[in-house]
N, C-alpha and C. Protein backbone atom coordinates (compact mmCIF):
# COMPACT_ATOMS: atom_id res chain seq x y z
N MET A 1 2.47 20.78 -10.20
CA MET A 1 2.33 19.33 -8.53
C MET A 1 1.77 19.81 -8.33
N GLY A 2 0.75 18.47 -7.32
CA GLY A 2 -0.53 19.42 -6.45
C GLY A 2 -0.40 20.30 -5.34
N GLU A 3 -1.19 20.27 -4.83
CA GLU A 3 -0.96 20.97 -3.11
C GLU A 3 -0.52 19.58 -2.55
N GLU A 4 0.03 20.18 -1.46
CA GLU A 4 0.76 19.91 -0.15
C GLU A 4 0.08 18.64 0.49
N LEU A 5 0.29 17.61 0.91
CA LEU A 5 -1.07 16.67 1.79
C LEU A 5 -0.14 16.54 2.86
N ARG A 6 -1.46 16.13 3.88
CA ARG A 6 -1.08 15.92 5.09
C ARG A 6 -1.10 14.47 5.40
N PHE A 7 0.05 14.06 6.26
CA PHE A 7 -0.20 12.38 6.33
C PHE A 7 -0.42 11.88 7.74
N ARG A 8 -1.22 11.17 7.98
CA ARG A 8 -1.16 10.40 9.44
C ARG A 8 -1.43 8.72 9.47
N ARG A 9 -1.86 8.26 10.64
CA ARG A 9 -2.17 6.76 10.23
C ARG A 9 -3.59 6.90 10.44
N ALA A 10 -4.29 5.53 9.67
CA ALA A 10 -5.46 5.93 9.62
C ALA A 10 -6.01 4.72 10.76
N THR A 11 -7.17 5.17 11.41
CA THR A 11 -8.17 4.45 11.80
C THR A 11 -8.58 3.69 11.74
N GLU A 12 -9.79 3.11 12.71
CA GLU A 12 -11.59 2.65 12.17
C GLU A 12 -12.09 3.15 10.84
N ARG A 13 -12.13 4.43 11.81
CA ARG A 13 -13.54 5.13 11.32
C ARG A 13 -13.05 5.56 9.82
N ASP A 14 -11.91 5.23 9.45
CA ASP A 14 -11.63 5.37 7.63
C ASP A 14 -11.87 4.32 6.88
N LEU A 15 -12.16 3.40 7.55
CA LEU A 15 -12.01 1.72 7.04
C LEU A 15 -12.77 2.03 5.60
N PRO A 16 -14.42 2.42 5.55
CA PRO A 16 -15.13 2.81 4.20
C PRO A 16 -14.63 3.54 3.94
N THR A 17 -13.79 4.76 3.34
CA THR A 17 -13.23 5.39 2.54
C THR A 17 -11.66 4.67 2.12
N LEU A 18 -10.94 4.11 2.76
CA LEU A 18 -9.52 2.65 2.41
C LEU A 18 -10.20 2.27 1.45
N VAL A 19 -11.46 0.92 2.14
CA VAL A 19 -12.30 0.09 0.80
C VAL A 19 -12.60 0.42 -0.28
N ALA A 20 -12.95 1.45 -0.50
CA ALA A 20 -13.10 2.28 -1.44
C ALA A 20 -12.41 2.55 -2.25
N MET A 21 -11.47 3.16 -1.28
CA MET A 21 -10.16 3.20 -2.40
C MET A 21 -9.70 1.92 -3.35
N LEU A 22 -9.67 0.66 -2.09
CA LEU A 22 -8.53 -0.16 -2.79
C LEU A 22 -9.83 -0.85 -3.99
N ALA A 23 -11.06 -0.51 -4.08
CA ALA A 23 -12.10 -0.95 -4.96
C ALA A 23 -11.77 -0.18 -6.16
N ASP A 24 -11.61 1.32 -6.58
CA ASP A 24 -11.20 1.97 -7.59
C ASP A 24 -10.14 1.41 -8.27
N ASP A 25 -9.61 0.44 -8.07
CA ASP A 25 -8.55 -0.05 -8.99
C ASP A 25 -9.32 -0.83 -9.80
N ILE A 26 -8.45 -1.36 -11.08
CA ILE A 26 -8.20 -1.91 -11.84
C ILE A 26 -8.76 -3.87 -11.39
N GLU A 27 -7.49 -4.04 -10.47
CA GLU A 27 -7.57 -5.26 -9.78
C GLU A 27 -9.03 -4.75 -8.52
N GLY A 28 -8.72 -4.20 -7.64
CA GLY A 28 -9.28 -4.27 -6.75
C GLY A 28 -10.78 -4.15 -6.83
N LYS A 29 -11.49 -3.67 -8.59
CA LYS A 29 -13.12 -3.98 -8.42
C LYS A 29 -13.09 -5.40 -8.73
N LYS A 30 -12.02 -6.26 -8.32
CA LYS A 30 -12.76 -7.87 -8.80
C LYS A 30 -12.52 -7.95 -7.65
N ARG A 31 -11.92 -7.72 -6.12
CA ARG A 31 -12.23 -8.34 -5.26
C ARG A 31 -12.76 -7.78 -3.98
N GLU A 32 -12.62 -6.65 -4.26
CA GLU A 32 -13.15 -5.65 -2.78
C GLU A 32 -14.70 -5.84 -2.74
N ILE A 33 -15.07 -5.25 -1.36
CA ILE A 33 -16.94 -5.80 -1.67
C ILE A 33 -16.50 -3.93 -1.02
N VAL A 34 -16.97 -3.43 -1.34
CA VAL A 34 -17.35 -2.09 -0.75
C VAL A 34 -19.11 -2.32 0.13
N SER A 35 -18.88 -1.27 0.94
CA SER A 35 -20.52 -1.53 1.99
C SER A 35 -19.85 -0.11 3.74
N ASP A 36 -21.19 0.03 3.55
CA ASP A 36 -20.86 1.08 4.97
C ASP A 36 -21.71 0.73 5.76
N PRO A 37 -21.63 -0.10 7.22
CA PRO A 37 -20.62 -0.05 7.69
C PRO A 37 -19.75 -0.81 6.63
N PRO A 38 -18.66 -0.99 6.91
CA PRO A 38 -17.78 -2.00 6.12
C PRO A 38 -17.78 -3.60 6.34
N ASP A 39 -17.45 -4.35 5.72
CA ASP A 39 -17.39 -6.32 6.04
C ASP A 39 -16.93 -5.90 6.91
N PRO A 40 -17.07 -7.04 7.71
CA PRO A 40 -16.34 -7.48 8.62
C PRO A 40 -15.63 -7.70 8.58
N VAL A 41 -15.11 -8.78 7.42
CA VAL A 41 -13.24 -8.90 7.36
C VAL A 41 -12.10 -8.10 7.75
N TYR A 42 -13.23 -6.82 7.02
CA TYR A 42 -12.42 -5.14 6.74
C TYR A 42 -11.75 -4.57 8.30
N VAL A 43 -12.53 -4.75 9.18
CA VAL A 43 -12.88 -4.55 10.16
C VAL A 43 -11.58 -5.48 10.85
N GLU A 44 -11.97 -6.56 11.07
CA GLU A 44 -11.00 -7.50 11.88
C GLU A 44 -9.46 -7.53 11.34
N ALA A 45 -9.34 -7.68 9.87
CA ALA A 45 -8.34 -7.67 9.34
C ALA A 45 -7.49 -5.38 9.93
N PHE A 46 -7.92 -5.01 10.25
CA PHE A 46 -7.74 -3.98 10.67
C PHE A 46 -7.01 -3.57 11.65
N ARG A 47 -8.14 -4.87 12.49
CA ARG A 47 -7.16 -4.78 13.72
C ARG A 47 -6.08 -5.41 14.24
N ALA A 48 -5.83 -6.43 13.32
CA ALA A 48 -4.57 -7.38 13.20
C ALA A 48 -3.52 -6.34 12.45
N ILE A 49 -3.46 -5.37 11.49
CA ILE A 49 -2.29 -4.51 11.38
C ILE A 49 -2.33 -3.50 12.55
N GLU A 50 -3.70 -3.10 13.12
CA GLU A 50 -2.57 -2.12 14.45
C GLU A 50 -2.22 -2.89 15.46
N ALA A 51 -2.56 -4.08 15.80
CA ALA A 51 -2.29 -4.54 16.90
C ALA A 51 -0.72 -5.21 16.82
N SER A 52 -0.18 -5.22 15.56
CA SER A 52 0.47 -6.06 14.71
C SER A 52 2.53 -5.34 14.99
N GLY A 53 2.27 -3.83 15.12
CA GLY A 53 3.51 -3.27 15.60
C GLY A 53 4.06 -3.22 14.30
N SER A 54 4.58 -3.85 13.73
CA SER A 54 5.13 -4.01 11.97
C SER A 54 4.38 -3.14 11.30
N VAL A 55 3.15 -3.18 10.82
CA VAL A 55 2.73 -3.05 9.49
C VAL A 55 1.88 -1.44 10.47
N MET A 56 1.18 -0.97 8.89
CA MET A 56 0.73 0.52 9.38
C MET A 56 -0.33 1.07 7.82
N ILE A 57 -1.04 1.31 8.09
CA ILE A 57 -1.57 2.10 6.89
C ILE A 57 -1.84 3.65 7.20
N VAL A 58 -0.98 4.01 6.01
CA VAL A 58 -1.37 5.15 6.18
C VAL A 58 -1.86 5.85 4.69
N VAL A 59 -3.00 7.45 5.37
CA VAL A 59 -3.64 7.99 4.81
C VAL A 59 -2.73 9.20 4.48
N ALA A 60 -3.68 9.90 3.32
CA ALA A 60 -3.09 11.04 3.03
C ALA A 60 -3.72 11.98 2.83
N GLU A 61 -4.03 13.52 3.24
CA GLU A 61 -5.45 13.93 2.86
C GLU A 61 -4.84 15.76 2.27
N LEU A 62 -5.97 15.78 1.91
CA LEU A 62 -5.75 17.41 0.66
C LEU A 62 -7.44 18.21 1.54
N GLU A 63 -6.67 19.26 1.83
CA GLU A 63 -8.23 20.08 2.43
C GLU A 63 -9.21 19.12 3.47
N GLY A 64 -8.53 18.12 4.05
CA GLY A 64 -9.19 17.37 5.21
C GLY A 64 -9.45 15.91 4.63
N LYS A 65 -10.15 15.60 3.37
CA LYS A 65 -10.62 14.82 2.79
C LYS A 65 -9.71 13.63 2.99
N ILE A 66 -9.77 12.78 2.81
CA ILE A 66 -8.84 11.48 2.44
C ILE A 66 -8.59 11.26 0.71
N ILE A 67 -7.21 11.28 0.28
CA ILE A 67 -7.41 10.81 -0.94
C ILE A 67 -6.22 10.42 -1.63
N GLY A 68 -5.58 9.45 -0.34
CA GLY A 68 -4.23 8.59 -1.31
C GLY A 68 -4.21 7.25 0.39
N SER A 69 -4.23 6.66 0.06
CA SER A 69 -3.36 5.74 1.36
C SER A 69 -2.75 4.35 0.55
N MET A 70 -1.69 4.19 2.11
CA MET A 70 -0.41 3.15 1.83
C MET A 70 -0.48 1.97 3.11
N GLN A 71 0.14 0.96 2.91
CA GLN A 71 0.13 -0.14 3.81
C GLN A 71 1.77 -0.20 3.66
N LEU A 72 2.45 -0.24 5.19
CA LEU A 72 3.83 0.16 5.01
C LEU A 72 4.08 -1.16 6.01
N VAL A 73 5.26 -1.94 5.46
CA VAL A 73 5.22 -2.73 6.34
C VAL A 73 6.50 -2.97 7.02
N THR A 74 7.09 -2.97 8.25
CA THR A 74 9.13 -2.98 8.07
C THR A 74 8.83 -4.45 8.51
N LEU A 75 9.91 -4.89 7.55
CA LEU A 75 10.52 -6.08 7.81
C LEU A 75 11.56 -6.04 8.61
N PRO A 76 12.42 -7.33 9.03
CA PRO A 76 13.49 -7.62 9.61
C PRO A 76 13.72 -9.26 9.09
N GLY A 77 15.39 -9.06 8.56
CA GLY A 77 16.14 -9.94 7.64
C GLY A 77 17.26 -9.99 8.28
N LEU A 78 17.85 -11.21 8.36
CA LEU A 78 19.03 -11.61 8.65
C LEU A 78 19.90 -11.23 7.42
N GLY A 79 19.44 -11.58 5.70
CA GLY A 79 20.47 -10.85 5.02
C GLY A 79 20.89 -9.54 5.11
N GLY A 80 22.15 -9.55 4.43
CA GLY A 80 22.33 -7.74 4.02
C GLY A 80 22.93 -7.63 5.44
N ARG A 81 23.43 -8.80 6.54
CA ARG A 81 23.95 -7.70 7.73
C ARG A 81 22.64 -7.94 9.28
N GLY A 82 21.53 -8.66 8.83
CA GLY A 82 20.74 -7.70 9.69
C GLY A 82 19.85 -6.51 8.77
N ALA A 83 19.57 -6.49 7.93
CA ALA A 83 19.42 -5.32 6.85
C ALA A 83 18.05 -5.12 7.37
N TRP A 84 17.05 -4.09 7.75
CA TRP A 84 15.78 -3.90 7.78
C TRP A 84 15.34 -3.43 6.57
N ARG A 85 13.94 -4.21 6.36
CA ARG A 85 13.62 -3.30 4.87
C ARG A 85 11.67 -3.13 5.03
N MET A 86 11.33 -2.07 4.37
CA MET A 86 10.11 -1.79 4.01
C MET A 86 9.36 -2.29 2.66
N GLN A 87 7.97 -2.62 2.93
CA GLN A 87 7.84 -2.97 2.21
C GLN A 87 6.32 -2.49 2.09
N ILE A 88 5.97 -1.44 1.05
CA ILE A 88 5.09 -0.84 0.80
C ILE A 88 4.04 -1.90 -0.28
N GLU A 89 2.88 -1.46 0.39
CA GLU A 89 1.67 -1.86 -0.50
C GLU A 89 0.57 -1.18 -0.70
N GLY A 90 -0.38 -1.98 -1.26
CA GLY A 90 -2.04 -0.98 -1.24
C GLY A 90 -1.91 0.62 -1.71
N VAL A 91 -1.10 1.09 -2.52
CA VAL A 91 -0.76 2.44 -2.61
C VAL A 91 -2.08 2.85 -3.73
N ARG A 92 -2.82 3.74 -3.26
CA ARG A 92 -3.44 4.15 -3.84
C ARG A 92 -3.65 5.77 -3.79
N VAL A 93 -4.35 6.16 -5.16
CA VAL A 93 -4.68 7.88 -5.04
C VAL A 93 -6.57 7.69 -6.16
N ALA A 94 -7.17 8.63 -4.79
CA ALA A 94 -8.51 8.85 -5.96
C ALA A 94 -8.13 8.89 -6.98
N SER A 95 -9.21 8.39 -7.18
CA SER A 95 -9.03 8.41 -9.19
C SER A 95 -9.00 9.63 -10.11
N HIS A 96 -10.23 10.52 -9.34
CA HIS A 96 -10.21 12.14 -9.92
C HIS A 96 -8.67 12.48 -9.56
N LEU A 97 -7.56 11.67 -9.20
CA LEU A 97 -6.84 12.96 -8.68
C LEU A 97 -5.09 12.49 -9.28
N ARG A 98 -4.91 11.44 -9.50
CA ARG A 98 -4.15 10.33 -10.44
C ARG A 98 -3.39 10.95 -11.53
N GLY A 99 -2.03 11.48 -11.49
CA GLY A 99 -1.82 11.61 -12.51
C GLY A 99 -0.73 13.32 -12.39
N GLN A 100 -0.98 13.58 -10.31
CA GLN A 100 -0.58 15.12 -10.07
C GLN A 100 -0.01 15.66 -9.02
N GLY A 101 1.35 14.17 -9.05
CA GLY A 101 1.86 14.36 -8.11
C GLY A 101 1.89 14.07 -6.58
N TYR A 102 0.59 13.05 -6.60
CA TYR A 102 0.06 12.57 -4.91
C TYR A 102 0.92 11.51 -4.28
N GLY A 103 1.00 10.95 -5.48
CA GLY A 103 1.40 9.16 -5.78
C GLY A 103 2.67 9.60 -5.24
N THR A 104 3.58 10.72 -5.76
CA THR A 104 5.24 10.80 -5.41
C THR A 104 5.32 11.64 -4.43
N GLN A 105 4.21 11.88 -3.39
CA GLN A 105 4.55 12.76 -2.65
C GLN A 105 4.56 11.56 -1.23
N MET A 106 3.04 10.72 -1.52
CA MET A 106 3.15 9.69 -0.49
C MET A 106 4.39 8.82 -0.66
N LEU A 107 4.61 8.17 -2.00
CA LEU A 107 6.15 7.76 -1.76
C LEU A 107 6.64 8.29 -1.04
N ARG A 108 6.95 9.32 -1.40
CA ARG A 108 8.68 10.01 -0.68
C ARG A 108 8.12 10.27 1.33
N HIS A 109 6.87 10.10 1.64
CA HIS A 109 6.84 10.37 3.11
C HIS A 109 6.87 8.29 3.65
N ALA A 110 6.66 7.53 2.48
CA ALA A 110 6.79 6.18 2.91
C ALA A 110 9.19 6.10 2.99
N ILE A 111 9.61 6.66 1.65
CA ILE A 111 11.10 6.31 2.20
C ILE A 111 11.42 7.12 3.49
N ALA A 112 10.79 8.56 3.65
CA ALA A 112 11.50 9.01 4.84
C ALA A 112 10.75 8.07 5.71
N ILE A 113 9.78 7.82 6.50
CA ILE A 113 9.08 6.59 7.14
C ILE A 113 10.29 5.96 7.21
N ALA A 114 10.56 4.77 6.14
CA ALA A 114 11.49 3.93 6.43
C ALA A 114 12.97 3.86 6.98
N LYS A 115 13.58 5.29 6.23
CA LYS A 115 14.65 6.15 6.93
C LYS A 115 15.14 5.90 8.36
N GLU A 116 13.30 6.66 9.01
CA GLU A 116 13.80 6.56 10.50
C GLU A 116 13.78 5.50 10.99
N ARG A 117 13.00 4.75 10.61
CA ARG A 117 12.67 3.11 10.90
C ARG A 117 14.34 2.21 10.97
N GLY A 118 15.33 3.08 10.45
CA GLY A 118 16.04 2.35 9.74
C GLY A 118 16.20 1.11 8.85
N CYS A 119 15.93 1.62 8.30
CA CYS A 119 15.33 0.09 6.66
C CYS A 119 16.62 0.76 5.83
N LYS A 120 16.96 0.09 5.57
CA LYS A 120 18.29 -0.24 4.52
C LYS A 120 17.49 -0.26 3.07
N ARG A 121 16.67 -1.16 2.83
CA ARG A 121 16.00 -1.04 1.33
C ARG A 121 14.25 -0.48 1.36
N VAL A 122 13.49 -0.18 0.64
CA VAL A 122 12.62 -0.29 0.45
C VAL A 122 12.08 -1.18 -1.08
N GLN A 123 11.16 -1.48 -0.92
CA GLN A 123 10.56 -2.49 -1.97
C GLN A 123 8.88 -2.38 -2.30
N LEU A 124 8.49 -2.69 -2.90
CA LEU A 124 7.56 -2.58 -3.60
C LEU A 124 7.49 -3.43 -5.11
N THR A 125 5.51 -4.25 -4.91
CA THR A 125 5.37 -5.01 -6.05
C THR A 125 3.98 -3.98 -7.02
N THR A 126 3.93 -3.84 -7.71
CA THR A 126 2.74 -3.77 -8.53
C THR A 126 2.08 -4.64 -9.60
N HIS A 127 1.04 -4.57 -9.66
CA HIS A 127 0.04 -6.17 -10.76
C HIS A 127 1.14 -5.40 -12.17
N ASN A 128 0.97 -6.44 -12.88
CA ASN A 128 1.45 -6.35 -14.51
C ASN A 128 1.02 -4.79 -15.08
N VAL A 129 -0.71 -4.55 -14.68
CA VAL A 129 -1.78 -4.45 -15.74
C VAL A 129 -1.33 -2.38 -15.13
N ARG A 130 -0.70 -2.24 -14.39
CA ARG A 130 -0.69 -0.84 -13.48
C ARG A 130 0.28 -0.36 -14.17
N ALA A 131 0.78 0.44 -15.60
CA ALA A 131 1.82 0.85 -16.17
C ALA A 131 1.90 2.19 -15.55
N GLU A 132 1.32 3.05 -14.76
CA GLU A 132 1.33 4.28 -15.07
C GLU A 132 2.06 4.30 -13.45
N ALA A 133 1.39 3.11 -12.45
CA ALA A 133 2.08 2.48 -11.13
C ALA A 133 3.41 2.68 -11.08
N LYS A 134 3.48 1.21 -12.51
CA LYS A 134 5.14 0.73 -12.54
C LYS A 134 6.26 2.35 -12.87
N ARG A 135 5.19 3.02 -14.04
CA ARG A 135 6.42 4.32 -14.05
C ARG A 135 6.51 5.02 -13.31
N LEU A 136 6.00 5.76 -11.97
CA LEU A 136 5.55 6.34 -10.60
C LEU A 136 7.06 5.69 -10.43
N TYR A 137 6.81 4.32 -10.17
CA TYR A 137 7.80 3.96 -9.06
C TYR A 137 9.40 3.96 -9.59
N GLU A 138 9.51 3.98 -11.07
CA GLU A 138 10.66 3.67 -11.77
C GLU A 138 11.36 5.42 -11.82
N ARG A 139 10.37 6.60 -11.85
CA ARG A 139 10.82 8.16 -11.56
C ARG A 139 11.37 7.82 -10.20
N LEU A 140 10.83 7.02 -9.31
CA LEU A 140 11.55 7.72 -8.03
C LEU A 140 12.54 6.75 -8.09
N GLY A 141 13.15 5.44 -8.92
CA GLY A 141 14.39 4.91 -8.63
C GLY A 141 14.22 3.54 -8.03
N PHE A 142 13.02 3.17 -7.94
CA PHE A 142 12.41 1.73 -7.97
C PHE A 142 13.56 0.82 -9.56
N VAL A 143 13.85 -0.24 -9.03
CA VAL A 143 14.34 -0.95 -10.13
C VAL A 143 13.43 -2.37 -10.16
N ALA A 144 12.99 -2.39 -10.81
CA ALA A 144 12.85 -4.09 -11.35
C ALA A 144 13.70 -4.80 -11.23
N SER A 145 14.12 -5.32 -9.85
CA SER A 145 15.46 -5.87 -9.73
C SER A 145 15.15 -7.38 -9.56
N HIS A 146 13.86 -8.02 -9.51
CA HIS A 146 13.80 -8.95 -9.04
C HIS A 146 12.06 -9.48 -9.77
N VAL A 147 12.09 -10.53 -9.96
CA VAL A 147 10.46 -11.37 -10.47
C VAL A 147 9.84 -12.06 -9.24
N GLY A 148 8.49 -11.60 -8.87
CA GLY A 148 7.51 -11.59 -8.30
C GLY A 148 6.59 -12.51 -8.78
N MET A 149 6.30 -13.45 -7.57
CA MET A 149 4.97 -14.58 -8.19
C MET A 149 4.69 -14.55 -6.67
N LYS A 150 2.82 -15.22 -6.88
CA LYS A 150 2.52 -14.99 -5.91
C LYS A 150 1.67 -16.58 -6.36
N LEU A 151 0.87 -17.20 -4.74
CA LEU A 151 0.28 -18.51 -5.51
C LEU A 151 -0.89 -18.35 -4.42
N GLU A 152 -2.43 -17.92 -5.36
CA GLU A 152 -3.76 -17.97 -4.37
C GLU A 152 -3.63 -19.17 -3.64
N LEU A 153 -3.84 -18.78 -2.58
CA LEU A 153 -4.22 -20.45 -1.46
C LEU A 153 -5.69 -20.76 -1.79
N GLY A 154 -6.86 -19.66 -2.10
CA GLY A 154 -7.83 -20.00 -1.89
C GLY A 154 -8.69 -20.70 -3.36
N GLN A 155 -7.44 -20.52 -4.47
CA GLN A 155 -7.44 -21.20 -5.46
C GLN A 155 -6.24 -22.27 -5.71
N LEU A 156 -6.05 -23.15 -4.93
CA LEU A 156 -5.03 -24.15 -5.03
C LEU A 156 -5.83 -25.30 -4.99
N GLN A 157 -5.00 -25.89 -5.91
CA GLN A 157 -5.16 -27.45 -6.49
C GLN A 157 -4.17 -28.13 -5.65
N VAL A 158 -4.29 -29.03 -5.06
CA VAL A 158 -3.10 -30.56 -4.71
C VAL A 158 -2.90 -30.94 -5.47
N VAL A 159 -1.60 -31.46 -6.05
CA VAL A 159 -1.49 -32.04 -7.87
C VAL A 159 -0.48 -33.08 -6.61
N GLY A 160 -1.00 -34.48 -7.73
CA GLY A 160 -0.61 -35.74 -6.92
C GLY A 160 -0.60 -36.29 -5.73
N ARG A 161 -2.11 -36.18 -5.64
CA ARG A 161 -3.01 -36.70 -4.32
C ARG A 161 -3.68 -37.98 -4.53
């Protein structure tokens, strides 16, 4: 297993690295724009995340360098007797370090944060093409209990008008 990671909340200075990590992925390379300075849409999105209070981006550092990131969203709910849950999104480990246990450390850190915040459930989704990620999540006890569905609004075609 890899060396112990250090975790911290991401800062706006981290954006070029964060966007590059999002793009270093089979799906991300189709949709992300890597530049330094980052495209203003990423700056705007980061600032909205920081202002929300219920969303944070966590970076994982190894020897002072960012090698991983994830977005954690704390969600209130009525179901489950008002149970809070955490949604984990955008989990990335630097491609040259995958398979060395860093993703496991990151997810365990996210689960610890969820417990600290009183969440009763941790949930995530992964794209069907990410077989290695799916195996990691299953090893940690995540169960494919629901069918996830998405509607890309930029692609939306109105039917029946």
